[in-house]
Structure formats: structure tokens, C-alpha cells
N, C-alpha and C. Protein backbone atom coordinates (compact mmCIF):
# COMPACT_ATOMS: atom_id res chain seq x y z
N MET A 1 -79.40 -13.72 -6.67
CA MET A 1 -78.08 -13.21 -7.11
C MET A 1 -77.21 -13.72 -6.99
N ALA A 2 -76.31 -14.47 -7.66
CA ALA A 2 -75.51 -15.15 -7.38
C ALA A 2 -74.44 -15.20 -6.68
N MET A 3 -73.89 -15.42 -5.71
CA MET A 3 -72.37 -14.64 -5.03
C MET A 3 -71.02 -15.88 -5.23
N ARG A 4 -70.12 -15.23 -5.14
CA ARG A 4 -69.30 -15.97 -5.65
C ARG A 4 -67.88 -15.66 -4.42
N GLN A 5 -66.89 -16.65 -3.96
CA GLN A 5 -65.86 -16.48 -3.12
C GLN A 5 -65.05 -16.09 -3.89
N ILE A 6 -63.98 -14.88 -3.22
CA ILE A 6 -62.97 -14.49 -4.01
C ILE A 6 -62.26 -14.53 -2.58
N ALA A 7 -60.87 -15.82 -2.94
CA ALA A 7 -59.82 -15.50 -1.85
C ALA A 7 -57.64 -15.11 -2.55
N THR A 8 -57.15 -14.91 -1.18
CA THR A 8 -56.29 -14.04 -1.43
C THR A 8 -55.51 -14.47 -0.03
N ARG A 9 -53.83 -14.63 -0.34
CA ARG A 9 -53.36 -14.88 1.21
C ARG A 9 -52.71 -13.43 1.45
N VAL A 10 -52.53 -13.20 2.11
CA VAL A 10 -51.81 -11.98 2.99
C VAL A 10 -51.40 -12.35 3.87
N ASP A 11 -49.89 -11.55 4.00
CA ASP A 11 -49.05 -11.79 5.26
C ASP A 11 -50.02 -11.19 6.31
N ALA A 12 -49.40 -12.19 7.92
CA ALA A 12 -49.96 -12.46 8.85
C ALA A 12 -50.33 -11.13 9.37
N GLU A 13 -49.15 -10.41 9.57
CA GLU A 13 -48.87 -8.94 9.99
C GLU A 13 -50.31 -7.91 9.33
N GLN A 14 -50.25 -7.90 7.95
CA GLN A 14 -51.02 -6.98 7.41
C GLN A 14 -52.28 -7.85 7.65
N ALA A 15 -52.82 -9.25 7.64
CA ALA A 15 -54.24 -9.38 8.19
C ALA A 15 -54.70 -9.03 9.43
N GLU A 16 -53.96 -8.94 10.28
CA GLU A 16 -54.35 -8.66 11.73
C GLU A 16 -54.26 -6.71 11.55
N LEU A 17 -54.08 -6.24 10.59
CA LEU A 17 -54.04 -4.97 10.80
C LEU A 17 -55.22 -4.44 10.55
N PHE A 18 -55.22 -5.38 9.15
CA PHE A 18 -56.23 -4.91 8.25
C PHE A 18 -57.70 -5.35 9.42
N LYS A 19 -57.81 -6.21 10.06
CA LYS A 19 -59.09 -6.46 10.71
C LYS A 19 -59.47 -6.00 11.56
N GLU A 20 -58.24 -5.70 12.72
CA GLU A 20 -58.35 -4.59 13.97
C GLU A 20 -58.85 -3.32 12.92
N THR A 21 -58.64 -2.42 12.04
CA THR A 21 -58.78 -1.41 11.29
C THR A 21 -60.40 -1.54 10.69
N THR A 22 -60.88 -2.85 10.07
CA THR A 22 -62.14 -2.84 10.08
C THR A 22 -62.94 -3.35 11.09
N ARG A 23 -62.65 -3.24 12.00
CA ARG A 23 -63.22 -3.12 13.57
C ARG A 23 -63.56 -1.99 13.85
N LYS A 24 -62.63 -1.15 13.79
CA LYS A 24 -62.58 0.23 14.36
C LYS A 24 -63.19 1.05 13.06
N LEU A 25 -63.12 0.59 12.15
CA LEU A 25 -64.32 1.63 11.52
C LEU A 25 -65.74 0.95 11.22
N GLY A 26 -65.82 0.24 12.29
CA GLY A 26 -67.37 -0.61 12.66
C GLY A 26 -67.73 -1.33 11.48
N THR A 27 -67.05 -2.21 10.63
CA THR A 27 -67.26 -2.98 9.75
C THR A 27 -66.54 -4.11 9.52
N THR A 28 -66.46 -4.54 8.47
CA THR A 28 -65.81 -5.93 8.38
C THR A 28 -65.13 -6.89 7.24
N PRO A 29 -63.83 -7.42 7.77
CA PRO A 29 -63.48 -7.19 6.35
C PRO A 29 -63.89 -7.79 5.06
N ALA A 30 -64.87 -8.39 4.69
CA ALA A 30 -65.67 -9.01 4.07
C ALA A 30 -66.57 -7.82 3.69
N ASP A 31 -67.21 -6.95 4.18
CA ASP A 31 -67.47 -5.70 3.63
C ASP A 31 -66.52 -4.84 2.79
N VAL A 32 -65.51 -4.57 3.79
CA VAL A 32 -64.53 -3.69 3.08
C VAL A 32 -64.15 -4.26 1.74
N LEU A 33 -64.02 -5.65 1.70
CA LEU A 33 -63.57 -6.42 0.21
C LEU A 33 -64.90 -5.93 -0.66
N ARG A 34 -65.84 -5.89 -0.40
CA ARG A 34 -67.02 -5.85 -1.19
C ARG A 34 -67.00 -4.29 -1.82
N MET A 35 -67.01 -4.00 -0.77
CA MET A 35 -66.34 -1.55 -1.36
C MET A 35 -66.16 -1.58 -2.25
N PHE A 36 -64.76 -2.61 -1.79
CA PHE A 36 -63.61 -2.08 -2.56
C PHE A 36 -63.60 -2.62 -4.43
N VAL A 37 -64.19 -4.15 -4.29
CA VAL A 37 -64.70 -4.73 -5.87
C VAL A 37 -65.71 -4.13 -6.31
N THR A 38 -66.76 -3.10 -5.80
CA THR A 38 -67.78 -2.74 -6.04
C THR A 38 -66.95 -1.23 -6.62
N ALA A 39 -66.21 -0.88 -5.70
CA ALA A 39 -65.68 0.63 -6.25
C ALA A 39 -64.67 0.60 -7.54
N PHE A 40 -64.31 -0.74 -7.30
CA PHE A 40 -63.22 -1.09 -8.47
C PHE A 40 -63.97 -1.32 -10.30
N ASN A 41 -64.82 -2.16 -9.92
CA ASN A 41 -65.65 -2.45 -11.02
C ASN A 41 -66.40 -0.73 -11.26
N SER A 42 -66.83 -0.19 -10.26
CA SER A 42 -68.14 0.79 -11.12
C SER A 42 -67.13 2.13 -11.47
N HIS A 43 -65.44 2.09 -11.43
CA HIS A 43 -64.25 2.79 -11.99
C HIS A 43 -63.70 2.33 -12.96
N ARG A 44 -64.38 1.03 -13.32
CA ARG A 44 -63.67 0.20 -14.13
C ARG A 44 -61.63 0.13 -14.68
N GLY A 45 -61.48 -0.16 -12.65
CA GLY A 45 -60.21 -0.12 -12.52
C GLY A 45 -59.88 0.58 -11.15
N PHE A 46 -58.69 0.98 -10.72
CA PHE A 46 -58.62 1.38 -9.46
C PHE A 46 -59.05 2.48 -8.93
N PRO A 47 -59.99 2.47 -8.32
CA PRO A 47 -60.70 3.50 -7.68
C PRO A 47 -59.76 4.95 -6.95
N TYR A 48 -58.13 4.96 -7.55
CA TYR A 48 -57.30 5.65 -7.05
C TYR A 48 -56.54 5.71 -7.76
N ASP A 49 -55.01 7.02 -8.38
CA ASP A 49 -54.66 6.75 -9.13
C ASP A 49 -53.45 5.86 -9.22
N VAL A 50 -53.07 4.84 -9.85
CA VAL A 50 -51.76 3.72 -9.88
C VAL A 50 -51.13 4.01 -11.18
N ARG A 51 -49.78 4.57 -10.93
CA ARG A 51 -49.26 4.72 -12.09
C ARG A 51 -47.88 4.95 -11.64
N LEU A 52 -46.58 4.81 -12.41
CA LEU A 52 -45.04 4.81 -12.03
C LEU A 52 -45.05 6.62 -12.66
N SER A 53 -43.89 6.93 -11.58
CA SER A 53 -43.63 8.30 -12.04
C SER A 53 -42.09 8.28 -12.03
N GLU A 54 -41.10 9.20 -12.30
CA GLU A 54 -39.80 9.07 -12.37
C GLU A 54 -39.13 9.96 -10.86
N ASP A 55 -39.96 10.60 -10.82
CA ASP A 55 -39.48 11.18 -9.17
C ASP A 55 -40.08 10.48 -7.71
N VAL A 56 -40.68 9.34 -8.41
CA VAL A 56 -40.89 8.50 -6.91
C VAL A 56 -40.44 8.34 -5.89
N GLU A 57 -40.31 8.18 -4.82
CA GLU A 57 -39.33 7.81 -3.56
C GLU A 57 -39.92 6.28 -2.46
N PRO A 58 -39.10 5.76 -2.75
CA PRO A 58 -39.64 4.57 -2.02
C PRO A 58 -40.03 5.19 -0.07
N PHE A 59 -41.60 4.42 0.58
CA PHE A 59 -41.44 4.85 1.93
C PHE A 59 -39.80 4.90 2.47
N ALA A 60 -39.96 5.36 3.44
CA ALA A 60 -38.90 5.23 4.91
C ALA A 60 -38.99 3.50 5.21
N THR A 61 -40.02 3.63 5.86
CA THR A 61 -40.32 2.21 6.55
C THR A 61 -41.83 1.60 6.01
N GLU A 62 -42.16 0.45 6.68
CA GLU A 62 -43.29 -0.12 5.89
C GLU A 62 -44.12 0.07 6.48
N GLU A 63 -44.17 0.73 7.56
CA GLU A 63 -45.49 1.46 8.66
C GLU A 63 -45.81 2.71 8.21
N ASP A 64 -45.25 3.55 7.02
CA ASP A 64 -45.03 4.63 6.54
C ASP A 64 -45.91 4.10 5.22
N ALA A 65 -45.64 3.08 4.60
CA ALA A 65 -46.31 2.34 3.16
C ALA A 65 -47.72 1.74 3.57
N THR A 66 -47.70 1.41 5.20
CA THR A 66 -48.78 0.73 5.35
C THR A 66 -49.94 2.00 5.86
N ARG A 67 -49.36 3.12 6.66
CA ARG A 67 -50.30 4.32 6.68
C ARG A 67 -50.60 4.77 5.55
N PHE A 68 -50.17 5.00 4.16
CA PHE A 68 -50.31 5.32 3.22
C PHE A 68 -51.56 4.98 2.59
N ALA A 69 -51.32 3.72 2.45
CA ALA A 69 -52.38 2.65 1.79
C ALA A 69 -53.84 2.62 2.58
N THR A 70 -53.45 2.50 3.59
CA THR A 70 -54.94 2.80 4.95
C THR A 70 -55.28 3.90 4.57
N ASP A 71 -54.50 5.38 4.44
CA ASP A 71 -55.60 6.27 4.40
C ASP A 71 -56.10 6.59 2.90
N LEU A 72 -55.45 5.75 1.62
CA LEU A 72 -55.68 5.76 0.58
C LEU A 72 -57.20 4.88 0.82
N SER A 73 -56.48 4.20 1.06
CA SER A 73 -58.52 2.91 1.04
C SER A 73 -59.63 3.69 1.71
N LEU A 74 -59.47 4.38 2.39
CA LEU A 74 -60.36 4.87 3.41
C LEU A 74 -60.88 5.66 2.37
N ARG A 75 -60.16 6.72 1.78
CA ARG A 75 -60.62 7.72 1.06
C ARG A 75 -61.45 7.01 0.04
N ALA A 76 -61.17 6.27 -0.85
CA ALA A 76 -61.44 5.53 -1.61
C ALA A 76 -62.98 5.04 -0.99
N ILE A 77 -63.13 4.04 0.19
CA ILE A 77 -64.09 4.04 1.08
C ILE A 77 -65.02 5.17 0.99
N ASN A 78 -64.64 6.49 1.41
CA ASN A 78 -65.85 6.88 1.73
C ASN A 78 -66.08 7.85 0.59
N GLU A 79 -65.49 7.88 -0.61
CA GLU A 79 -65.98 8.41 -1.83
C GLU A 79 -67.14 7.35 -2.48
N THR A 80 -66.97 6.46 -1.69
CA THR A 80 -67.93 5.64 -2.74
C THR A 80 -69.51 5.56 -2.17
N ARG A 81 -69.38 6.47 -1.26
CA ARG A 81 -70.26 6.48 -0.05
C ARG A 81 -71.63 7.05 -0.43
């Protein structure tokens, strides 16, 4: 199977949090990204709801948004296992 590299840039703080979280989960950033790509492709889109709504309120802090995104990602990863 031919492999391709996919690269992106993220905020340094987000990158460190991502690395730390993957380490705590016993995996690597590369493995998590492969899991996301696999889940994305098998769902033919995001493996979780992505939509706009009239009653959406912004997160109070960036930390709240990060926590929400992390929980959502972990739930998506667990569903693909």
C-alpha cells in the first residue's frame, strides 16, 4: 500500500496539548491523525455532527472549547474501535 504524508500547521499551544493528550492515551499524534482520517473516510465526512444552529452560544473560554473538542474527538475515536 502506498503511503502519503499529510501536513498542517496548528498553534504551538494546541500542538503541545495534542501531543500530551495522545501520550496520555498511549498512542502517538500520527496514529490519532490516521484514526481520524480513517473515521472521516468511513463516515464520508466528519465522524461527528458538524452544523450551525441559531441557538449556539460561544464557549466562555478557549480552554472550554479545547476540552469540548478533546472529549468529542475521544468519543469519535472510541466509536471507531
